[in-house]
Amino acid sequence: MRIATYRADGKTTWGVVRGERVSDAGKAKGAPATVRELLESTDQAESLRAVADAPARPLREVQLLAPLEPRQDFIALGLNYVQHVGESAAATQQSTPPKQPILFGKAATSVIGPDAEIQFDRAVTKEVDWEVELAVVIGRAGRDIARNDALAHIFGYTVANDVSARDLQFLDGRQWYRGKSLDTFCPLGPSIVTRDDLGDASGLRLTLRVNGVTKQDASTDELLFGIAEIVASASEGRTLRPGDVILTGTPVGVGFTRTPPEYLRDGDVVEAEIERIGVLRNRVREVSADR
């Protein structure tokens, strides 16, 4: 099942996407008002059935938004594709694959939806980079989750672009949170595809294009740590809750490792795509804040 959040007729709602139409949860009696509320509800399946049967409208008539508002900061993974470890070695001082998932945070306030602008100020950063990533949406709470039980805690998957200010990320050491948490630096969408459709998300092709030119092209089969292991690791000693989002790492092909390095510029169009989930498209805009 495919779930989208959108704005239409001056209101924000969500629905189930079928083909080129999306239903309206606001017209389903007793349905949760938001995807966050759906994830926190006791009977997600019943709510989804009700919303799926609600009146629908053409997707072309609505403005897609980020599919959910994260409950807290994103949990993100670094260096989770072997080839990406190799291309990043000089900047990260890590030349061999990590022995356990490398977790860091990314601000929830950085999230934007499909077709929204990735904005940056050159007074803050001059090195804005791209990273296509599979995002895991948690649907059931758990702590110290066993690897064999991990998939049962996943609601679904979506596409993320872990936009990164490399000059901030590598400033005075490894300041990953600082470099990855600027406003608009986490496009998310276009929709959530539920786990019953994608299972453990293996074998999915990830690509990223800038102005139509392919920069990243890989498969989730190349993940160093698989989805179940990621969820289990992220839950060690802490409770994952419905609405938490985990970014699972990016494959080879980022801009800062190229010769010469490549960074996003004003007017660029970035398309992050994951097979069976969709295309997340955003335009880049350089802004200048009043100082």
Protein backbone atom coordinates (compact mmCIF):
# COMPACT_ATOMS: atom_id res chain seq x y z
CA MET A 1 0.00 0.00 0.00
CA ARG A 2 1.22 3.50 -0.85
CA ILE A 3 0.52 6.41 1.51
CA ALA A 4 0.92 10.12 0.77
CA THR A 5 0.42 13.39 2.63
CA TYR A 6 -0.77 16.29 0.53
CA ARG A 7 -2.37 19.71 0.41
CA ALA A 8 -5.52 20.43 -1.57
CA ASP A 9 -8.27 23.04 -1.35
CA GLY A 10 -6.30 24.86 1.35
CA LYS A 11 -6.17 21.84 3.67
CA THR A 12 -3.52 19.28 4.54
CA THR A 13 -4.61 15.64 4.62
CA TRP A 14 -3.34 12.19 3.71
CA GLY A 15 -4.54 9.22 1.78
CA VAL A 16 -3.87 5.94 0.02
CA VAL A 17 -2.51 6.18 -3.51
CA ARG A 18 -3.92 3.88 -6.16
CA GLY A 19 -2.68 4.47 -9.66
CA GLU A 20 -2.98 8.19 -10.34
CA ARG A 21 -5.51 8.90 -7.61
CA VAL A 22 -5.24 9.49 -3.87
CA SER A 23 -7.98 9.09 -1.26
CA ASP A 24 -8.81 11.68 1.39
CA ALA A 25 -8.50 10.58 5.02
CA GLY A 26 -10.52 13.65 6.00
CA LYS A 27 -13.54 11.99 4.42
CA ALA A 28 -13.13 8.67 6.22
CA LYS A 29 -15.10 8.54 9.45
CA GLY A 30 -12.85 8.29 12.51
CA ALA A 31 -9.62 8.17 10.51
CA PRO A 32 -6.45 9.61 12.05
CA ALA A 33 -5.88 13.21 11.00
CA THR A 34 -2.22 12.69 10.05
CA VAL A 35 0.15 9.88 9.14
CA ARG A 36 1.88 10.44 12.50
CA GLU A 37 -1.43 9.77 14.25
CA LEU A 38 -1.95 6.70 12.06
CA LEU A 39 1.40 5.29 13.14
CA GLU A 40 0.59 5.95 16.79
CA SER A 41 -2.86 4.35 16.55
CA THR A 42 -3.67 0.91 17.95
CA ASP A 43 -5.21 -0.45 14.74
CA GLN A 44 -3.30 0.81 11.75
CA ALA A 45 -4.74 -1.84 9.42
CA GLU A 46 -8.36 -0.86 10.14
CA SER A 47 -7.61 2.83 9.62
CA LEU A 48 -5.81 2.11 6.34
CA ARG A 49 -8.76 0.10 5.04
CA ALA A 50 -11.16 2.91 5.89
CA VAL A 51 -8.98 5.55 4.23
CA ALA A 52 -8.39 3.38 1.15
CA ASP A 53 -12.17 3.28 0.61
CA ALA A 54 -12.62 7.05 1.08
CA PRO A 55 -13.37 9.35 -1.88
CA ALA A 56 -10.31 9.95 -4.06
CA ARG A 57 -9.07 12.63 -6.43
CA PRO A 58 -6.40 12.81 -9.16
CA LEU A 59 -2.84 13.16 -7.91
CA ARG A 60 -2.26 15.94 -10.44
CA GLU A 61 -4.70 18.13 -8.48
CA VAL A 62 -2.81 17.97 -5.17
CA GLN A 63 0.51 19.21 -3.78
CA LEU A 64 2.47 16.33 -2.31
CA LEU A 65 4.20 17.06 1.02
CA ALA A 66 6.70 15.05 3.06
CA PRO A 67 4.78 11.82 3.78
CA LEU A 68 5.03 12.30 7.55
CA GLU A 69 6.32 14.68 10.18
CA PRO A 70 9.11 12.77 11.98
CA ARG A 71 8.46 12.22 15.67
CA GLN A 72 12.01 13.30 16.55
CA ASP A 73 15.36 13.87 14.83
CA PHE A 74 16.25 11.33 12.16
CA ILE A 75 18.49 8.42 13.05
CA ALA A 76 21.02 8.25 10.23
CA LEU A 77 23.76 5.85 9.20
CA GLY A 78 27.17 6.71 7.85
CA LEU A 79 29.40 4.55 5.66
CA ASN A 80 26.88 1.76 5.07
CA TYR A 81 27.85 0.87 1.48
CA VAL A 82 31.29 -0.68 1.02
CA GLN A 83 32.21 1.33 -2.09
CA HIS A 84 31.14 4.54 -0.36
CA VAL A 85 33.55 3.74 2.49
CA GLY A 86 36.32 3.60 -0.09
CA GLU A 87 35.44 6.85 -1.83
CA SER A 88 35.07 8.69 1.50
CA ALA A 89 38.26 7.37 3.11
CA ALA A 90 40.36 10.53 2.91
CA ALA A 91 37.71 12.77 4.49
CA THR A 92 36.43 10.33 7.12
CA GLN A 93 39.72 8.69 8.14
CA GLN A 94 37.91 5.34 7.75
CA SER A 95 39.42 3.14 5.04
CA THR A 96 37.90 -0.19 6.09
CA PRO A 97 34.19 -1.01 6.50
CA PRO A 98 32.89 -0.42 10.05
CA LYS A 99 32.22 -3.45 12.23
CA GLN A 100 28.91 -2.07 13.50
CA PRO A 101 26.46 0.55 12.23
CA ILE A 102 27.69 4.15 12.57
CA LEU A 103 24.71 6.14 13.87
CA PHE A 104 24.31 9.90 13.99
CA GLY A 105 21.46 12.40 14.14
CA LYS A 106 19.91 14.70 11.55
CA ALA A 107 17.48 17.42 12.59
CA ALA A 108 13.80 16.73 11.97
CA THR A 109 13.46 20.44 11.17
CA SER A 110 15.44 19.83 7.96
CA VAL A 111 12.60 17.88 6.32
CA ILE A 112 10.88 19.10 3.15
CA GLY A 113 8.61 17.37 0.67
CA PRO A 114 8.59 16.64 -3.05
CA ASP A 115 9.14 19.66 -5.31
CA ALA A 116 10.07 21.90 -2.36
CA GLU A 117 13.32 23.85 -2.66
CA ILE A 118 16.64 22.81 -1.18
CA GLN A 119 17.92 26.20 -0.04
CA PHE A 120 21.38 27.26 1.01
CA ASP A 121 23.24 30.48 1.81
CA ARG A 122 26.84 30.68 0.55
CA ALA A 123 27.70 32.66 3.67
CA VAL A 124 26.93 29.43 5.59
CA THR A 125 28.07 26.71 3.15
CA LYS A 126 29.61 26.50 -0.30
CA GLU A 127 29.77 22.71 -0.52
CA VAL A 128 26.23 21.31 -0.76
CA ASP A 129 26.22 17.61 -1.67
CA TRP A 130 23.63 14.94 -2.47
CA GLU A 131 22.95 11.49 -0.93
CA VAL A 132 20.08 9.24 -2.03
CA GLU A 133 18.99 6.97 0.83
CA LEU A 134 16.34 4.41 1.69
CA ALA A 135 14.39 5.65 4.73
CA VAL A 136 12.78 3.24 7.20
CA VAL A 137 9.59 4.37 8.97
CA ILE A 138 8.99 2.75 12.37
CA GLY A 139 5.42 1.67 13.07
CA ARG A 140 5.69 -0.29 16.31
CA ALA A 141 7.57 0.62 19.47
CA GLY A 142 10.42 -1.48 20.77
CA ARG A 143 13.66 -1.46 22.70
CA ASP A 144 16.55 -3.93 22.40
CA ILE A 145 14.82 -5.43 19.39
CA ALA A 146 16.16 -8.79 18.24
CA ARG A 147 17.28 -8.94 14.63
CA ASN A 148 14.76 -11.68 13.87
CA ASP A 149 11.93 -9.47 15.17
CA ALA A 150 13.06 -6.19 13.60
CA LEU A 151 10.95 -6.20 10.43
CA ALA A 152 7.76 -6.45 12.51
CA HIS A 153 8.54 -2.98 13.90
CA ILE A 154 8.71 -1.37 10.43
CA PHE A 155 5.66 0.36 8.99
CA GLY A 156 7.17 1.09 5.59
CA TYR A 157 9.81 2.79 3.48
CA THR A 158 10.30 6.06 1.62
CA VAL A 159 13.01 7.97 -0.28
CA ALA A 160 15.33 10.48 1.40
CA ASN A 161 18.01 12.82 0.13
CA ASP A 162 20.50 13.33 2.96
CA VAL A 163 21.70 16.71 1.67
CA SER A 164 25.04 17.56 3.31
CA ALA A 165 27.12 20.72 3.74
CA ARG A 166 30.55 19.10 3.45
CA ASP A 167 32.52 22.15 4.59
CA LEU A 168 30.52 22.13 7.84
CA GLN A 169 30.48 18.35 8.18
CA PHE A 170 34.28 18.13 8.16
CA LEU A 171 34.94 21.39 10.01
CA ASP A 172 37.26 20.85 13.01
CA GLY A 173 36.78 17.10 12.84
CA ARG A 174 33.54 15.24 12.21
CA GLN A 175 30.57 17.54 12.78
CA TRP A 176 28.04 15.40 10.94
CA TYR A 177 24.98 16.76 12.75
CA ARG A 178 25.97 20.34 11.94
CA GLY A 179 26.67 19.61 8.28
CA LYS A 180 23.49 17.62 7.69
CA SER A 181 20.87 19.53 9.67
CA LEU A 182 20.46 22.84 7.85
CA ASP A 183 16.88 23.83 7.02
CA THR A 184 15.58 22.08 3.85
CA PHE A 185 18.44 19.55 3.88
CA CYS A 186 16.24 16.43 4.11
CA PRO A 187 13.82 16.02 1.22
CA LEU A 188 11.52 13.07 1.98
CA GLY A 189 8.91 11.32 -0.17
CA PRO A 190 7.07 11.11 -2.45
CA SER A 191 5.13 8.51 -0.42
CA ILE A 192 5.52 5.66 2.05
CA VAL A 193 5.26 2.13 0.70
CA THR A 194 4.23 -0.29 3.43
CA ARG A 195 6.36 -3.22 4.54
CA ASP A 196 3.87 -5.80 3.31
CA ASP A 197 4.72 -4.64 -0.23
CA LEU A 198 8.52 -4.37 0.14
CA GLY A 199 9.47 -6.85 2.88
CA ASP A 200 13.07 -6.20 3.95
CA ALA A 201 13.56 -3.78 1.00
CA SER A 202 16.27 -5.97 -0.53
CA GLY A 203 17.11 -5.75 -4.23
CA LEU A 204 15.84 -2.19 -4.74
CA ARG A 205 17.72 0.02 -7.19
CA LEU A 206 18.69 3.49 -5.90
CA THR A 207 19.65 6.28 -8.30
CA LEU A 208 20.29 9.99 -8.02
CA ARG A 209 20.39 12.44 -10.92
CA VAL A 210 21.44 16.07 -11.06
CA ASN A 211 19.99 17.90 -14.07
CA GLY A 212 19.28 14.52 -15.66
CA VAL A 213 22.84 13.20 -15.23
CA THR A 214 23.12 10.03 -13.12
CA LYS A 215 25.47 10.48 -10.15
CA GLN A 216 24.56 7.48 -7.99
CA ASP A 217 23.35 4.04 -9.11
CA ALA A 218 23.33 1.09 -6.72
CA SER A 219 21.16 -1.56 -5.04
CA THR A 220 20.04 -2.05 -1.47
CA ASP A 221 21.65 -5.49 -1.77
CA GLU A 222 24.95 -3.58 -1.38
CA LEU A 223 24.09 -2.39 2.14
CA LEU A 224 26.85 -3.29 4.56
CA PHE A 225 24.32 -3.66 7.38
CA GLY A 226 20.87 -4.82 6.32
CA ILE A 227 17.56 -3.36 7.40
CA ALA A 228 16.93 -5.79 10.27
CA GLU A 229 20.41 -5.26 11.68
CA ILE A 230 20.03 -1.48 11.43
CA VAL A 231 16.76 -1.48 13.36
CA ALA A 232 18.16 -3.83 16.00
CA SER A 233 21.28 -1.68 16.44
CA ALA A 234 19.32 1.58 16.64
CA SER A 235 17.14 0.10 19.41
CA GLU A 236 19.97 -1.01 21.67
CA GLY A 237 19.34 0.67 25.01
CA ARG A 238 16.76 3.07 23.58
CA THR A 239 13.13 2.83 22.56
CA LEU A 240 12.16 3.27 18.94
CA ARG A 241 8.65 4.66 18.63
CA PRO A 242 6.08 4.92 15.84
CA GLY A 243 6.99 7.84 13.61
CA ASP A 244 10.75 7.51 14.06
CA VAL A 245 12.63 7.57 10.74
CA ILE A 246 15.96 5.85 10.05
CA LEU A 247 18.11 6.85 7.07
CA THR A 248 20.08 3.77 6.02
CA GLY A 249 23.12 5.32 4.31
CA THR A 250 24.10 6.35 0.80
CA PRO A 251 25.96 4.45 -1.94
CA VAL A 252 29.01 5.44 -3.97
CA GLY A 253 28.80 8.54 -6.19
CA VAL A 254 28.57 11.55 -3.88
CA GLY A 255 29.96 14.88 -5.04
CA PHE A 256 32.76 15.68 -2.61
CA THR A 257 34.79 12.59 -3.56
CA ARG A 258 34.85 13.38 -7.28
CA THR A 259 37.84 14.85 -9.12
CA PRO A 260 37.33 17.75 -9.11
CA PRO A 261 34.64 17.82 -6.37
CA GLU A 262 31.10 18.58 -7.53
CA TYR A 263 28.53 20.48 -5.48
CA LEU A 264 24.95 21.58 -6.01
CA ARG A 265 24.35 25.02 -7.45
CA ASP A 266 21.48 27.45 -7.76
CA GLY A 267 18.91 26.12 -10.24
CA ASP A 268 20.02 22.47 -10.17
CA VAL A 269 17.28 19.83 -10.19
CA VAL A 270 17.97 16.77 -8.03
CA GLU A 271 16.03 13.53 -8.50
CA ALA A 272 16.46 10.77 -5.91
CA GLU A 273 14.75 7.57 -6.96
CA ILE A 274 14.23 4.15 -5.40
CA GLU A 275 12.67 1.34 -7.35
CA ARG A 276 9.05 0.55 -6.37
CA ILE A 277 8.87 3.64 -4.16
CA GLY A 278 9.20 6.59 -6.53
CA VAL A 279 11.06 9.72 -7.53
CA LEU A 280 11.79 12.55 -5.09
CA ARG A 281 12.45 15.70 -7.11
CA ASN A 282 13.72 19.01 -5.68
CA ARG A 283 15.18 22.19 -7.13
CA VAL A 284 18.16 23.90 -5.51
CA ARG A 285 18.00 27.61 -4.72
CA GLU A 286 20.73 29.84 -3.36
CA VAL A 287 19.41 32.40 -0.91
CA SER A 288 21.00 35.27 0.95
CA ALA A 289 19.85 35.94 4.49
CA ASP A 290 19.71 39.53 5.76
CA ARG A 291 22.65 40.10 8.10
